[in-house]
């Protein structure tokens, strides 16, 4: 079982293109069903956040393939606006 503190600041890698999308930031839980609905990733601008603002991205639970020791592997189609919110 993985807890929230084990996930904090893990890199999130998209298996579609091998790109590091950002870092785990938060989780969305359906309290009525007691299930995780989604993860939120803090995306940063180019060059390690030096150019561009940070933004938050929602990744549905179904898109998460593996939670590893160092990274979280996801399968996300970047052509779809997946709950992208400027923050």
PDB file of N, CA and C in Angstrom:
ATOM      1  N   UNK A   1       0.838  -1.182   0.000  1.00  0.00           N
ATOM      2  CA  UNK A   1       0.000   0.000   0.000  1.00  0.00           C
ATOM      3  C   UNK A   1       0.880   1.240   0.000  1.00  0.00           C
ATOM      4  N   UNK A   2       0.539   2.190  -0.847  1.00  0.00           N
ATOM      5  CA  UNK A   2       1.283   3.433  -0.954  1.00  0.00           C
ATOM      6  C   UNK A   2       0.511   4.528  -0.231  1.00  0.00           C
ATOM      7  N   UNK A   3       1.227   5.338   0.529  1.00  0.00           N
ATOM      8  CA  UNK A   3       0.541   6.451   1.176  1.00  0.00           C
ATOM      9  C   UNK A   3       0.904   7.768   0.492  1.00  0.00           C
ATOM     10  N   UNK A   4       0.158   8.785   0.831  1.00  0.00           N
ATOM     11  CA  UNK A   4       0.313  10.105   0.207  1.00  0.00           C
ATOM     12  C   UNK A   4       1.749  10.612   0.291  1.00  0.00           C
ATOM     13  N   UNK A   5       2.370  10.462   1.432  1.00  0.00           N
ATOM     14  CA  UNK A   5       3.715  11.011   1.639  1.00  0.00           C
ATOM     15  C   UNK A   5       4.761  10.277   0.804  1.00  0.00           C
ATOM     16  N   UNK A   6       4.493   9.026   0.419  1.00  0.00           N
ATOM     17  CA  UNK A   6       5.394   8.306  -0.472  1.00  0.00           C
ATOM     18  C   UNK A   6       5.305   8.828  -1.907  1.00  0.00           C
ATOM     19  N   UNK A   7       4.205   9.479  -2.244  1.00  0.00           N
ATOM     20  CA  UNK A   7       3.985   9.964  -3.607  1.00  0.00           C
ATOM     21  C   UNK A   7       4.499  11.380  -3.836  1.00  0.00           C
ATOM     22  N   UNK A   8       4.563  12.158  -2.767  1.00  0.00           N
ATOM     23  CA  UNK A   8       4.917  13.575  -2.892  1.00  0.00           C
ATOM     24  C   UNK A   8       6.213  13.745  -3.686  1.00  0.00           C
ATOM     25  N   UNK A   9       6.122  14.585  -4.683  1.00  0.00           N
ATOM     26  CA  UNK A   9       7.239  15.009  -5.522  1.00  0.00           C
ATOM     27  C   UNK A   9       7.885  13.894  -6.345  1.00  0.00           C
ATOM     28  N   UNK A  10       7.158  12.802  -6.586  1.00  0.00           N
ATOM     29  CA  UNK A  10       7.656  11.808  -7.540  1.00  0.00           C
ATOM     30  C   UNK A  10       7.455  12.362  -8.937  1.00  0.00           C
ATOM     31  N   UNK A  11       8.420  12.117  -9.816  1.00  0.00           N
ATOM     32  CA  UNK A  11       8.260  12.499 -11.208  1.00  0.00           C
ATOM     33  C   UNK A  11       7.184  11.640 -11.844  1.00  0.00           C
ATOM     34  N   UNK A  12       6.411  12.253 -12.749  1.00  0.00           N
ATOM     35  CA  UNK A  12       5.378  11.543 -13.491  1.00  0.00           C
ATOM     36  C   UNK A  12       5.821  11.482 -14.945  1.00  0.00           C
ATOM     37  N   UNK A  13       5.963  10.252 -15.469  1.00  0.00           N
ATOM     38  CA  UNK A  13       6.465  10.029 -16.823  1.00  0.00           C
ATOM     39  C   UNK A  13       5.342   9.478 -17.691  1.00  0.00           C
ATOM     40  N   UNK A  14       5.163  10.093 -18.866  1.00  0.00           N
ATOM     41  CA  UNK A  14       4.164   9.642 -19.821  1.00  0.00           C
ATOM     42  C   UNK A  14       4.782   8.575 -20.720  1.00  0.00           C
ATOM     43  N   UNK A  15       4.220   7.372 -20.705  1.00  0.00           N
ATOM     44  CA  UNK A  15       4.752   6.260 -21.489  1.00  0.00           C
ATOM     45  C   UNK A  15       4.596   6.496 -22.999  1.00  0.00           C
ATOM     46  N   UNK A  16       3.657   7.365 -23.399  1.00  0.00           N
ATOM     47  CA  UNK A  16       3.423   7.639 -24.829  1.00  0.00           C
ATOM     48  C   UNK A  16       4.638   8.275 -25.494  1.00  0.00           C
ATOM     49  N   UNK A  17       5.338   9.153 -24.751  1.00  0.00           N
ATOM     50  CA  UNK A  17       6.466   9.854 -25.357  1.00  0.00           C
ATOM     51  C   UNK A  17       7.722   9.871 -24.482  1.00  0.00           C
ATOM     52  N   UNK A  18       7.677   9.250 -23.319  1.00  0.00           N
ATOM     53  CA  UNK A  18       8.833   9.187 -22.428  1.00  0.00           C
ATOM     54  C   UNK A  18       9.145  10.482 -21.708  1.00  0.00           C
ATOM     55  N   UNK A  19       8.276  11.462 -21.839  1.00  0.00           N
ATOM     56  CA  UNK A  19       8.509  12.777 -21.260  1.00  0.00           C
ATOM     57  C   UNK A  19       8.126  12.828 -19.784  1.00  0.00           C
ATOM     58  N   UNK A  20       8.925  13.535 -19.001  1.00  0.00           N
ATOM     59  CA  UNK A  20       8.570  13.817 -17.615  1.00  0.00           C
ATOM     60  C   UNK A  20       7.557  14.953 -17.659  1.00  0.00           C
ATOM     61  N   UNK A  21       6.332  14.655 -17.246  1.00  0.00           N
ATOM     62  CA  UNK A  21       5.252  15.637 -17.306  1.00  0.00           C
ATOM     63  C   UNK A  21       5.317  16.645 -16.175  1.00  0.00           C
ATOM     64  N   UNK A  22       5.863  16.241 -15.057  1.00  0.00           N
ATOM     65  CA  UNK A  22       5.921  17.086 -13.873  1.00  0.00           C
ATOM     66  C   UNK A  22       6.060  16.217 -12.648  1.00  0.00           C
ATOM     67  N   UNK A  23       5.630  16.732 -11.533  1.00  0.00           N
ATOM     68  CA  UNK A  23       5.718  15.989 -10.270  1.00  0.00           C
ATOM     69  C   UNK A  23       4.356  15.843  -9.630  1.00  0.00           C
ATOM     70  N   UNK A  24       4.170  14.719  -8.945  1.00  0.00           N
ATOM     71  CA  UNK A  24       2.933  14.479  -8.209  1.00  0.00           C
ATOM     72  C   UNK A  24       2.727  15.606  -7.217  1.00  0.00           C
ATOM     73  N   UNK A  25       1.482  16.086  -7.150  1.00  0.00           N
ATOM     74  CA  UNK A  25       1.194  17.200  -6.250  1.00  0.00           C
ATOM     75  C   UNK A  25       0.041  16.909  -5.300  1.00  0.00           C
ATOM     76  N   UNK A  26      -1.020  16.272  -5.801  1.00  0.00           N
ATOM     77  CA  UNK A  26      -2.192  16.055  -4.958  1.00  0.00           C
ATOM     78  C   UNK A  26      -3.009  14.897  -5.505  1.00  0.00           C
ATOM     79  N   UNK A  27      -4.013  14.498  -4.751  1.00  0.00           N
ATOM     80  CA  UNK A  27      -4.864  13.383  -5.137  1.00  0.00           C
ATOM     81  C   UNK A  27      -6.321  13.787  -4.937  1.00  0.00           C
ATOM     82  N   UNK A  28      -7.197  13.281  -5.812  1.00  0.00           N
ATOM     83  CA  UNK A  28      -8.632  13.522  -5.702  1.00  0.00           C
ATOM     84  C   UNK A  28      -9.306  12.212  -5.312  1.00  0.00           C
ATOM     85  N   UNK A  29     -10.084  12.243  -4.240  1.00  0.00           N
ATOM     86  CA  UNK A  29     -10.727  11.029  -3.725  1.00  0.00           C
ATOM     87  C   UNK A  29     -12.234  11.216  -3.706  1.00  0.00           C
ATOM     88  N   UNK A  30     -12.948  10.211  -4.197  1.00  0.00           N
ATOM     89  CA  UNK A  30     -14.397  10.171  -4.077  1.00  0.00           C
ATOM     90  C   UNK A  30     -14.695   9.613  -2.686  1.00  0.00           C
ATOM     91  N   UNK A  31     -15.088  10.471  -1.779  1.00  0.00           N
ATOM     92  CA  UNK A  31     -15.272  10.060  -0.384  1.00  0.00           C
ATOM     93  C   UNK A  31     -16.472   9.133  -0.202  1.00  0.00           C
ATOM     94  N   UNK A  32     -17.471   9.253  -1.064  1.00  0.00           N
ATOM     95  CA  UNK A  32     -18.632   8.370  -0.967  1.00  0.00           C
ATOM     96  C   UNK A  32     -18.286   6.946  -1.368  1.00  0.00           C
ATOM     97  N   UNK A  33     -17.504   6.812  -2.444  1.00  0.00           N
ATOM     98  CA  UNK A  33     -17.115   5.484  -2.932  1.00  0.00           C
ATOM     99  C   UNK A  33     -15.828   4.987  -2.281  1.00  0.00           C
ATOM    100  N   UNK A  34     -15.064   5.915  -1.691  1.00  0.00           N
ATOM    101  CA  UNK A  34     -13.799   5.534  -1.061  1.00  0.00           C
ATOM    102  C   UNK A  34     -12.737   5.148  -2.065  1.00  0.00           C
ATOM    103  N   UNK A  35     -12.749   5.806  -3.238  1.00  0.00           N
ATOM    104  CA  UNK A  35     -11.801   5.473  -4.306  1.00  0.00           C
ATOM    105  C   UNK A  35     -11.068   6.711  -4.791  1.00  0.00           C
ATOM    106  N   UNK A  36      -9.824   6.493  -5.229  1.00  0.00           N
ATOM    107  CA  UNK A  36      -9.055   7.564  -5.839  1.00  0.00           C
ATOM    108  C   UNK A  36      -9.625   7.815  -7.227  1.00  0.00           C
ATOM    109  N   UNK A  37      -9.909   9.075  -7.535  1.00  0.00           N
ATOM    110  CA  UNK A  37     -10.433   9.461  -8.842  1.00  0.00           C
ATOM    111  C   UNK A  37      -9.326   9.917  -9.783  1.00  0.00           C
ATOM    112  N   UNK A  38      -8.366  10.687  -9.237  1.00  0.00           N
ATOM    113  CA  UNK A  38      -7.338  11.286 -10.092  1.00  0.00           C
ATOM    114  C   UNK A  38      -6.147  11.746  -9.262  1.00  0.00           C
ATOM    115  N   UNK A  39      -5.046  11.951  -9.952  1.00  0.00           N
ATOM    116  CA  UNK A  39      -3.856  12.580  -9.389  1.00  0.00           C
ATOM    117  C   UNK A  39      -3.726  13.951 -10.027  1.00  0.00           C
ATOM    118  N   UNK A  40      -3.113  14.862  -9.314  1.00  0.00           N
ATOM    119  CA  UNK A  40      -2.775  16.161  -9.879  1.00  0.00           C
ATOM    120  C   UNK A  40      -1.263  16.275  -9.955  1.00  0.00           C
ATOM    121  N   UNK A  41      -0.812  16.793 -11.074  1.00  0.00           N
ATOM    122  CA  UNK A  41       0.617  16.939 -11.340  1.00  0.00           C
ATOM    123  C   UNK A  41       0.924  18.421 -11.452  1.00  0.00           C
ATOM    124  N   UNK A  42       2.016  18.822 -10.833  1.00  0.00           N
ATOM    125  CA  UNK A  42       2.485  20.190 -11.010  1.00  0.00           C
ATOM    126  C   UNK A  42       3.402  20.195 -12.217  1.00  0.00           C
ATOM    127  N   UNK A  43       2.917  20.799 -13.303  1.00  0.00           N
ATOM    128  CA  UNK A  43       3.731  20.944 -14.508  1.00  0.00           C
ATOM    129  C   UNK A  43       4.480  22.257 -14.396  1.00  0.00           C
ATOM    130  N   UNK A  44       5.685  22.290 -14.902  1.00  0.00           N
ATOM    131  CA  UNK A  44       6.456  23.527 -14.874  1.00  0.00           C
ATOM    132  C   UNK A  44       6.772  23.964 -16.289  1.00  0.00           C
ATOM    133  N   UNK A  45       7.130  25.234 -16.423  1.00  0.00           N
ATOM    134  CA  UNK A  45       7.516  25.767 -17.722  1.00  0.00           C
ATOM    135  C   UNK A  45       8.822  25.154 -18.180  1.00  0.00           C
ATOM    136  N   UNK A  46       9.268  25.578 -19.335  1.00  0.00           N
ATOM    137  CA  UNK A  46      10.520  25.059 -19.886  1.00  0.00           C
ATOM    138  C   UNK A  46      11.722  25.416 -19.013  1.00  0.00           C
ATOM    139  N   UNK A  47      12.771  24.677 -19.140  1.00  0.00           N
ATOM    140  CA  UNK A  47      14.031  24.899 -18.421  1.00  0.00           C
ATOM    141  C   UNK A  47      13.860  24.882 -16.906  1.00  0.00           C
ATOM    142  N   UNK A  48      13.309  23.763 -16.407  1.00  0.00           N
ATOM    143  CA  UNK A  48      13.199  23.535 -14.968  1.00  0.00           C
ATOM    144  C   UNK A  48      12.395  24.625 -14.262  1.00  0.00           C
ATOM    145  N   UNK A  49      11.358  25.126 -14.914  1.00  0.00           N
ATOM    146  CA  UNK A  49      10.495  26.110 -14.297  1.00  0.00           C
ATOM    147  C   UNK A  49      10.973  27.537 -14.405  1.00  0.00           C
ATOM    148  N   UNK A  50      12.093  27.755 -15.069  1.00  0.00           N
ATOM    149  CA  UNK A  50      12.626  29.106 -15.159  1.00  0.00           C
ATOM    150  C   UNK A  50      11.870  29.953 -16.178  1.00  0.00           C
ATOM    151  N   UNK A  51      11.352  29.338 -17.223  1.00  0.00           N
ATOM    152  CA  UNK A  51      10.562  30.053 -18.217  1.00  0.00           C
ATOM    153  C   UNK A  51       9.156  29.493 -18.202  1.00  0.00           C
ATOM    154  N   UNK A  52       8.201  30.323 -17.974  1.00  0.00           N
ATOM    155  CA  UNK A  52       6.818  29.869 -17.950  1.00  0.00           C
ATOM    156  C   UNK A  52       6.349  29.596 -16.532  1.00  0.00           C
ATOM    157  N   UNK A  53       5.051  29.640 -16.370  1.00  0.00           N
ATOM    158  CA  UNK A  53       4.455  29.438 -15.061  1.00  0.00           C
ATOM    159  C   UNK A  53       4.224  27.960 -14.796  1.00  0.00           C
ATOM    160  N   UNK A  54       4.150  27.628 -13.530  1.00  0.00           N
ATOM    161  CA  UNK A  54       3.725  26.285 -13.147  1.00  0.00           C
ATOM    162  C   UNK A  54       2.232  26.183 -13.369  1.00  0.00           C
ATOM    163  N   UNK A  55       1.770  24.987 -13.670  1.00  0.00           N
ATOM    164  CA  UNK A  55       0.344  24.763 -13.810  1.00  0.00           C
ATOM    165  C   UNK A  55       0.018  23.368 -13.312  1.00  0.00           C
ATOM    166  N   UNK A  56      -1.233  23.165 -13.018  1.00  0.00           N
ATOM    167  CA  UNK A  56      -1.670  21.894 -12.471  1.00  0.00           C
ATOM    168  C   UNK A  56      -2.391  21.106 -13.552  1.00  0.00           C
ATOM    169  N   UNK A  57      -2.153  19.800 -13.572  1.00  0.00           N
ATOM    170  CA  UNK A  57      -2.794  18.932 -14.560  1.00  0.00           C
ATOM    171  C   UNK A  57      -3.412  17.736 -13.851  1.00  0.00           C
ATOM    172  N   UNK A  58      -4.610  17.400 -14.258  1.00  0.00           N
ATOM    173  CA  UNK A  58      -5.351  16.271 -13.681  1.00  0.00           C
ATOM    174  C   UNK A  58      -5.096  15.038 -14.535  1.00  0.00           C
ATOM    175  N   UNK A  59      -4.741  13.940 -13.886  1.00  0.00           N
ATOM    176  CA  UNK A  59      -4.552  12.658 -14.560  1.00  0.00           C
ATOM    177  C   UNK A  59      -5.527  11.671 -13.930  1.00  0.00           C
ATOM    178  N   UNK A  60      -6.434  11.136 -14.735  1.00  0.00           N
ATOM    179  CA  UNK A  60      -7.425  10.187 -14.233  1.00  0.00           C
ATOM    180  C   UNK A  60      -6.758   8.921 -13.712  1.00  0.00           C
ATOM    181  N   UNK A  61      -7.373   8.306 -12.721  1.00  0.00           N
ATOM    182  CA  UNK A  61      -6.846   7.088 -12.111  1.00  0.00           C
ATOM    183  C   UNK A  61      -6.598   5.999 -13.163  1.00  0.00           C
ATOM    184  N   UNK A  62      -7.486   5.904 -14.151  1.00  0.00           N
ATOM    185  CA  UNK A  62      -7.366   4.878 -15.188  1.00  0.00           C
ATOM    186  C   UNK A  62      -6.127   5.069 -16.057  1.00  0.00           C
ATOM    187  N   UNK A  63      -5.576   6.281 -16.092  1.00  0.00           N
ATOM    188  CA  UNK A  63      -4.397   6.577 -16.916  1.00  0.00           C
ATOM    189  C   UNK A  63      -3.087   6.265 -16.190  1.00  0.00           C
ATOM    190  N   UNK A  64      -3.165   5.937 -14.912  1.00  0.00           N
ATOM    191  CA  UNK A  64      -1.970   5.620 -14.136  1.00  0.00           C
ATOM    192  C   UNK A  64      -1.666   4.138 -14.309  1.00  0.00           C
ATOM    193  N   UNK A  65      -0.481   3.847 -14.863  1.00  0.00           N
ATOM    194  CA  UNK A  65      -0.105   2.463 -15.132  1.00  0.00           C
ATOM    195  C   UNK A  65       0.648   1.817 -13.985  1.00  0.00           C
ATOM    196  N   UNK A  66       1.591   2.573 -13.387  1.00  0.00           N
ATOM    197  CA  UNK A  66       2.459   1.995 -12.366  1.00  0.00           C
ATOM    198  C   UNK A  66       2.965   3.089 -11.448  1.00  0.00           C
ATOM    199  N   UNK A  67       2.954   2.795 -10.158  1.00  0.00           N
ATOM    200  CA  UNK A  67       3.573   3.684  -9.172  1.00  0.00           C
ATOM    201  C   UNK A  67       4.824   2.973  -8.702  1.00  0.00           C
ATOM    202  N   UNK A  68       5.967   3.483  -9.136  1.00  0.00           N
ATOM    203  CA  UNK A  68       7.239   2.855  -8.817  1.00  0.00           C
ATOM    204  C   UNK A  68       7.943   3.524  -7.652  1.00  0.00           C
ATOM    205  N   UNK A  69       9.155   3.066  -7.381  1.00  0.00           N
ATOM    206  CA  UNK A  69       9.946   3.622  -6.280  1.00  0.00           C
ATOM    207  C   UNK A  69      10.306   5.087  -6.515  1.00  0.00           C
ATOM    208  N   UNK A  70      10.613   5.430  -7.775  1.00  0.00           N
ATOM    209  CA  UNK A  70      11.082   6.780  -8.085  1.00  0.00           C
ATOM    210  C   UNK A  70      10.131   7.588  -8.951  1.00  0.00           C
ATOM    211  N   UNK A  71       9.312   6.911  -9.757  1.00  0.00           N
ATOM    212  CA  UNK A  71       8.440   7.609 -10.696  1.00  0.00           C
ATOM    213  C   UNK A  71       7.047   6.994 -10.729  1.00  0.00           C
ATOM    214  N   UNK A  72       6.139   7.757 -11.286  1.00  0.00           N
ATOM    215  CA  UNK A  72       4.787   7.286 -11.570  1.00  0.00           C
ATOM    216  C   UNK A  72       4.661   7.256 -13.091  1.00  0.00           C
ATOM    217  N   UNK A  73       4.310   6.095 -13.639  1.00  0.00           N
ATOM    218  CA  UNK A  73       4.182   5.931 -15.084  1.00  0.00           C
ATOM    219  C   UNK A  73       2.709   6.082 -15.457  1.00  0.00           C
ATOM    220  N   UNK A  74       2.442   6.971 -16.431  1.00  0.00           N
ATOM    221  CA  UNK A  74       1.067   7.202 -16.878  1.00  0.00           C
ATOM    222  C   UNK A  74       0.974   7.031 -18.393  1.00  0.00           C
ATOM    223  N   UNK A  75      -0.237   6.849 -18.884  1.00  0.00           N
ATOM    224  CA  UNK A  75      -0.505   6.732 -20.311  1.00  0.00           C
ATOM    225  C   UNK A  75      -1.525   7.807 -20.653  1.00  0.00           C
ATOM    226  N   UNK A  76      -1.027   8.996 -21.025  1.00  0.00           N
ATOM    227  CA  UNK A  76      -1.869  10.164 -21.250  1.00  0.00           C
ATOM    228  C   UNK A  76      -1.704  10.639 -22.684  1.00  0.00           C
ATOM    229  N   UNK A  77      -2.827  10.883 -23.342  1.00  0.00           N
ATOM    230  CA  UNK A  77      -2.801  11.455 -24.689  1.00  0.00           C
ATOM    231  C   UNK A  77      -2.692  12.963 -24.550  1.00  0.00           C
ATOM    232  N   UNK A  78      -1.542  13.532 -24.901  1.00  0.00           N
ATOM    233  CA  UNK A  78      -1.319  14.967 -24.741  1.00  0.00           C
ATOM    234  C   UNK A  78      -2.119  15.818 -25.715  1.00  0.00           C
ATOM    235  N   UNK A  79      -2.758  15.208 -26.707  1.00  0.00           N
ATOM    236  CA  UNK A  79      -3.551  15.979 -27.659  1.00  0.00           C
ATOM    237  C   UNK A  79      -4.907  16.380 -27.097  1.00  0.00           C
ATOM    238  N   UNK A  80      -5.261  15.805 -25.952  1.00  0.00           N
ATOM    239  CA  UNK A  80      -6.550  16.094 -25.328  1.00  0.00           C
ATOM    240  C   UNK A  80      -6.313  16.984 -24.124  1.00  0.00           C
ATOM    241  N   UNK A  81      -7.088  18.030 -23.986  1.00  0.00           N
ATOM    242  CA  UNK A  81      -7.009  18.890 -22.798  1.00  0.00           C
ATOM    243  C   UNK A  81      -7.584  18.092 -21.643  1.00  0.00           C
ATOM    244  N   UNK A  82      -6.718  17.572 -20.797  1.00  0.00           N
ATOM    245  CA  UNK A  82      -7.100  16.662 -19.720  1.00  0.00           C
ATOM    246  C   UNK A  82      -7.216  17.400 -18.396  1.00  0.00           C
ATOM    247  N   UNK A  83      -8.118  18.358 -18.332  1.00  0.00           N
ATOM    248  CA  UNK A  83      -8.308  19.066 -17.077  1.00  0.00           C
ATOM    249  C   UNK A  83      -7.183  20.039 -16.783  1.00  0.00           C
ATOM    250  N   UNK A  84      -6.522  20.529 -17.823  1.00  0.00           N
ATOM    251  CA  UNK A  84      -5.418  21.453 -17.649  1.00  0.00           C
ATOM    252  C   UNK A  84      -5.939  22.779 -17.117  1.00  0.00           C
ATOM    253  N   UNK A  85      -5.341  23.231 -16.041  1.00  0.00           N
ATOM    254  CA  UNK A  85      -5.781  24.494 -15.435  1.00  0.00           C
ATOM    255  C   UNK A  85      -4.572  25.348 -15.150  1.00  0.00           C
ATOM    256  N   UNK A  86      -4.657  26.587 -15.526  1.00  0.00           N
ATOM    257  CA  UNK A  86      -3.564  27.507 -15.228  1.00  0.00           C
ATOM    258  C   UNK A  86      -3.618  27.852 -13.752  1.00  0.00           C
ATOM    259  N   UNK A  87      -2.450  27.893 -13.117  1.00  0.00           N
ATOM    260  CA  UNK A  87      -2.464  28.163 -11.685  1.00  0.00           C
ATOM    261  C   UNK A  87      -1.372  28.994 -11.231  1.00  0.00           C
TER     262      UNK A  87
END
